[in-house]
Amino acid sequence: MTRIDPTPDFESRHLGPSSRSVEAMLQVLEYKSVEALVEDVVPESIYFRDALALPAPLSEADFLERLRSTLSKNQVHRSFIGMGYSDTHTPGVILRNIMENPGWYTQYTPYQAEIAQGRLQALLNFQTMVIDLTGLPIANASLLDEGTAAAEAMHLAQGASKGSANKFFVSELCHPQTIDVIRTRAWPLGIDVEVGDHSSFELTEDV
């Protein structure tokens, strides 16, 4: 029976390929070591040769203790839903056949390249509905939150503008976080954001 050596440092069990896999890949690439491969592939201008100032690896037990200590510093606060949230009722037939239907979603998150086909179908339906309602030849897909959607609308308006207008007006009735996202997005684009009363605002050539 082969003796099982203790492995207190567990990063090698979870990060990166095994030594056998590394050797097999090096043989295919005809390199004797990973260092030789790096020397031949990484450009000298970005090659960092100094050793990284990293602490010694922790054992699994020590890591879990460190993790528990860090998590214990979290503060749990009550969240008050609002500022963009609208209470709605979803009919049971839609809830059962769409929202709770596994055919409309997968284990993948929407951020991954393997985007769920059910989500793609929902976005296509949304775009088609917007085109039908507005009569536009094309419509963008919905974004995940109001602030991001507003900021992208500002950027789209800037790109579609044929003049030299560089000011974007936002109603003061918009939610504060929406205005903040617009301002944050406007800064690198060089757009001047003006917040005010939309009922008395006068549109000029620079807006």
Protein backbone atom coordinates (compact mmCIF):
# COMPACT_ATOMS: atom_id res chain seq x y z
CA MET A 1 0.00 0.00 0.00
CA THR A 2 1.39 3.38 -0.98
CA ARG A 3 2.06 5.72 1.91
CA ILE A 4 -0.06 8.86 1.84
CA ASP A 5 2.03 11.90 2.70
CA PRO A 6 0.31 14.75 4.51
CA THR A 7 -0.23 17.83 2.35
CA PRO A 8 -0.86 20.79 4.64
CA ASP A 9 -0.34 23.30 1.83
CA PHE A 10 -3.47 22.78 -0.21
CA GLU A 11 -3.04 25.35 -3.00
CA SER A 12 -1.43 22.75 -5.27
CA ARG A 13 -4.56 20.61 -4.96
CA HIS A 14 -6.82 23.35 -6.25
CA LEU A 15 -4.76 25.70 -8.43
CA GLY A 16 -3.15 24.86 -11.73
CA PRO A 17 -2.39 21.58 -13.51
CA SER A 18 -0.60 18.65 -11.93
CA SER A 19 3.13 18.14 -12.41
CA ARG A 20 2.38 15.21 -14.72
CA SER A 21 0.19 17.41 -16.92
CA VAL A 22 2.87 20.10 -17.01
CA GLU A 23 5.49 17.58 -18.12
CA ALA A 24 3.21 16.28 -20.87
CA MET A 25 2.53 19.77 -22.19
CA LEU A 26 6.22 20.67 -22.13
CA GLN A 27 7.06 17.57 -24.15
CA VAL A 28 4.53 18.52 -26.82
CA LEU A 29 5.92 22.07 -26.95
CA GLU A 30 9.50 20.72 -26.89
CA TYR A 31 10.61 22.67 -23.83
CA LYS A 32 12.55 21.30 -20.89
CA SER A 33 10.95 23.55 -18.26
CA VAL A 34 8.25 26.14 -17.71
CA GLU A 35 10.97 28.72 -17.15
CA ALA A 36 12.43 28.01 -20.60
CA LEU A 37 8.98 28.39 -22.14
CA VAL A 38 8.43 31.72 -20.39
CA GLU A 39 11.85 32.99 -21.45
CA ASP A 40 11.03 32.22 -25.07
CA VAL A 41 7.44 33.51 -25.12
CA VAL A 42 7.11 36.52 -22.80
CA PRO A 43 8.47 39.78 -24.30
CA GLU A 44 11.43 41.23 -22.47
CA SER A 45 9.64 44.56 -22.03
CA ILE A 46 7.05 43.00 -19.71
CA TYR A 47 9.10 40.18 -18.23
CA PHE A 48 9.17 40.61 -14.43
CA ARG A 49 12.13 38.61 -13.16
CA ASP A 50 12.07 39.56 -9.48
CA ALA A 51 10.41 37.26 -6.98
CA LEU A 52 6.97 38.36 -5.83
CA ALA A 53 6.70 39.38 -2.20
CA LEU A 54 4.09 36.80 -1.32
CA PRO A 55 3.55 35.29 2.12
CA ALA A 56 4.07 31.60 2.73
CA PRO A 57 1.09 29.43 1.76
CA LEU A 58 -1.37 28.52 4.49
CA SER A 59 -2.57 25.06 5.33
CA GLU A 60 -6.22 24.32 4.73
CA ALA A 61 -7.02 24.56 8.44
CA ASP A 62 -5.20 27.89 8.80
CA PHE A 63 -6.88 29.26 5.70
CA LEU A 64 -10.35 28.35 6.96
CA GLU A 65 -9.57 30.01 10.29
CA ARG A 66 -8.37 33.16 8.49
CA LEU A 67 -11.51 33.11 6.35
CA ARG A 68 -13.81 32.78 9.37
CA SER A 69 -11.99 35.65 11.08
CA THR A 70 -12.43 37.86 8.03
CA LEU A 71 -16.09 36.93 7.58
CA SER A 72 -16.81 37.70 11.23
CA LYS A 73 -16.06 41.38 10.49
CA ASN A 74 -19.03 41.62 8.13
CA GLN A 75 -21.92 43.74 9.33
CA VAL A 76 -25.43 42.68 8.41
CA HIS A 77 -27.72 45.60 7.60
CA ARG A 78 -31.39 45.73 6.78
CA SER A 79 -32.07 46.54 3.14
CA PHE A 80 -35.02 48.78 2.33
CA ILE A 81 -36.19 48.14 -1.22
CA GLY A 82 -36.95 51.27 -3.16
CA MET A 83 -35.62 53.85 -5.60
CA GLY A 84 -36.51 52.05 -8.79
CA TYR A 85 -38.28 49.04 -7.35
CA SER A 86 -41.88 48.67 -8.47
CA ASP A 87 -44.11 46.10 -6.83
CA THR A 88 -45.65 43.92 -9.53
CA HIS A 89 -47.79 40.81 -9.80
CA THR A 90 -46.65 38.00 -12.08
CA PRO A 91 -49.56 35.87 -13.34
CA GLY A 92 -49.28 32.23 -12.32
CA VAL A 93 -49.20 30.95 -15.90
CA ILE A 94 -46.17 33.14 -16.69
CA LEU A 95 -44.50 32.26 -13.40
CA ARG A 96 -44.86 28.51 -13.97
CA ASN A 97 -44.11 28.37 -17.69
CA ILE A 98 -41.35 30.98 -17.93
CA MET A 99 -39.84 32.09 -14.62
CA GLU A 100 -39.83 28.58 -13.11
CA ASN A 101 -39.27 26.68 -16.35
CA PRO A 102 -35.72 25.21 -16.50
CA GLY A 103 -35.86 25.51 -20.28
CA TRP A 104 -35.47 29.27 -19.90
CA TYR A 105 -32.33 29.17 -17.80
CA THR A 106 -29.20 27.08 -17.18
CA GLN A 107 -26.57 26.82 -14.49
CA TYR A 108 -24.50 29.40 -16.33
CA THR A 109 -24.57 33.00 -15.21
CA PRO A 110 -25.45 35.66 -17.81
CA TYR A 111 -21.91 37.07 -17.60
CA GLN A 112 -20.21 34.01 -19.05
CA ALA A 113 -19.48 33.43 -22.71
CA GLU A 114 -21.82 30.45 -22.68
CA ILE A 115 -24.76 32.78 -22.10
CA ALA A 116 -27.97 30.92 -21.37
CA GLN A 117 -30.06 30.48 -24.50
CA GLY A 118 -33.18 31.12 -22.46
CA ARG A 119 -31.86 34.56 -21.56
CA LEU A 120 -31.03 35.24 -25.20
CA GLN A 121 -34.61 34.34 -26.12
CA ALA A 122 -35.96 36.69 -23.46
CA LEU A 123 -33.74 39.53 -24.70
CA LEU A 124 -34.82 38.91 -28.29
CA ASN A 125 -38.46 39.05 -27.23
CA PHE A 126 -37.79 42.32 -25.41
CA GLN A 127 -36.07 43.88 -28.43
CA THR A 128 -38.87 42.77 -30.74
CA MET A 129 -41.48 44.28 -28.42
CA VAL A 130 -39.62 47.61 -28.23
CA ILE A 131 -39.34 47.73 -32.03
CA ASP A 132 -43.08 47.08 -32.35
CA LEU A 133 -43.95 49.74 -29.77
CA THR A 134 -41.61 52.46 -31.03
CA GLY A 135 -41.45 51.75 -34.75
CA LEU A 136 -37.65 51.89 -34.62
CA PRO A 137 -35.69 49.76 -37.09
CA ILE A 138 -33.52 48.34 -34.31
CA ALA A 139 -33.52 48.17 -30.50
CA ASN A 140 -30.86 47.40 -27.94
CA ALA A 141 -31.22 44.63 -25.38
CA SER A 142 -32.21 45.49 -21.85
CA LEU A 143 -29.50 46.20 -19.28
CA LEU A 144 -29.34 44.92 -15.73
CA ASP A 145 -30.15 48.10 -13.84
CA GLU A 146 -31.62 51.56 -14.34
CA GLY A 147 -28.38 53.47 -13.73
CA THR A 148 -26.43 51.51 -16.34
CA ALA A 149 -29.28 51.82 -18.85
CA ALA A 150 -29.42 55.60 -18.34
CA ALA A 151 -25.65 55.95 -18.73
CA GLU A 152 -25.69 53.89 -21.93
CA ALA A 153 -28.58 56.01 -23.24
CA MET A 154 -26.44 59.10 -22.67
CA HIS A 155 -23.52 57.52 -24.52
CA LEU A 156 -25.81 56.47 -27.36
CA ALA A 157 -27.21 60.00 -27.62
CA GLN A 158 -23.69 61.39 -27.79
CA GLY A 159 -22.75 58.98 -30.56
CA ALA A 160 -25.91 59.73 -32.52
CA SER A 161 -25.53 63.51 -32.18
CA LYS A 162 -24.31 65.12 -35.39
CA GLY A 163 -23.59 68.49 -33.83
CA SER A 164 -21.08 69.72 -31.28
CA ALA A 165 -23.45 69.40 -28.31
CA ASN A 166 -21.58 68.13 -25.27
CA LYS A 167 -24.10 68.63 -22.48
CA PHE A 168 -26.57 66.04 -21.18
CA PHE A 169 -29.65 67.07 -19.22
CA VAL A 170 -31.03 64.83 -16.48
CA SER A 171 -34.28 65.44 -14.64
CA GLU A 172 -33.89 66.03 -10.92
CA LEU A 173 -36.71 63.51 -10.41
CA CYS A 174 -34.40 60.65 -11.40
CA HIS A 175 -33.18 58.47 -8.58
CA PRO A 176 -29.92 59.66 -6.96
CA GLN A 177 -28.03 56.47 -7.82
CA THR A 178 -29.09 56.81 -11.46
CA ILE A 179 -27.75 60.37 -11.61
CA ASP A 180 -24.51 59.27 -9.94
CA VAL A 181 -23.94 56.51 -12.51
CA ILE A 182 -24.61 58.97 -15.35
CA ARG A 183 -22.09 61.43 -13.92
CA THR A 184 -19.50 58.71 -13.41
CA ARG A 185 -19.90 57.51 -17.01
CA ALA A 186 -19.94 61.07 -18.38
CA TRP A 187 -16.62 62.10 -16.82
CA PRO A 188 -14.29 59.99 -19.05
CA LEU A 189 -16.46 60.81 -22.07
CA GLY A 190 -16.05 64.53 -21.48
CA ILE A 191 -19.80 65.11 -21.19
CA ASP A 192 -21.13 67.91 -18.98
CA VAL A 193 -24.14 66.66 -16.99
CA GLU A 194 -26.78 69.19 -15.98
CA VAL A 195 -29.45 68.19 -13.45
CA GLY A 196 -32.57 70.29 -13.10
CA ASP A 197 -36.31 70.74 -13.48
CA HIS A 198 -37.37 69.14 -16.75
CA SER A 199 -40.62 71.12 -16.87
CA SER A 200 -38.79 74.45 -17.09
CA PHE A 201 -35.67 73.32 -18.95
CA GLU A 202 -35.03 75.01 -22.27
CA LEU A 203 -33.30 72.95 -24.94
CA THR A 204 -30.36 74.72 -26.58
CA GLU A 205 -27.87 73.77 -29.29
CA ASP A 206 -25.22 72.73 -26.77
CA VAL A 207 -27.47 70.08 -25.17
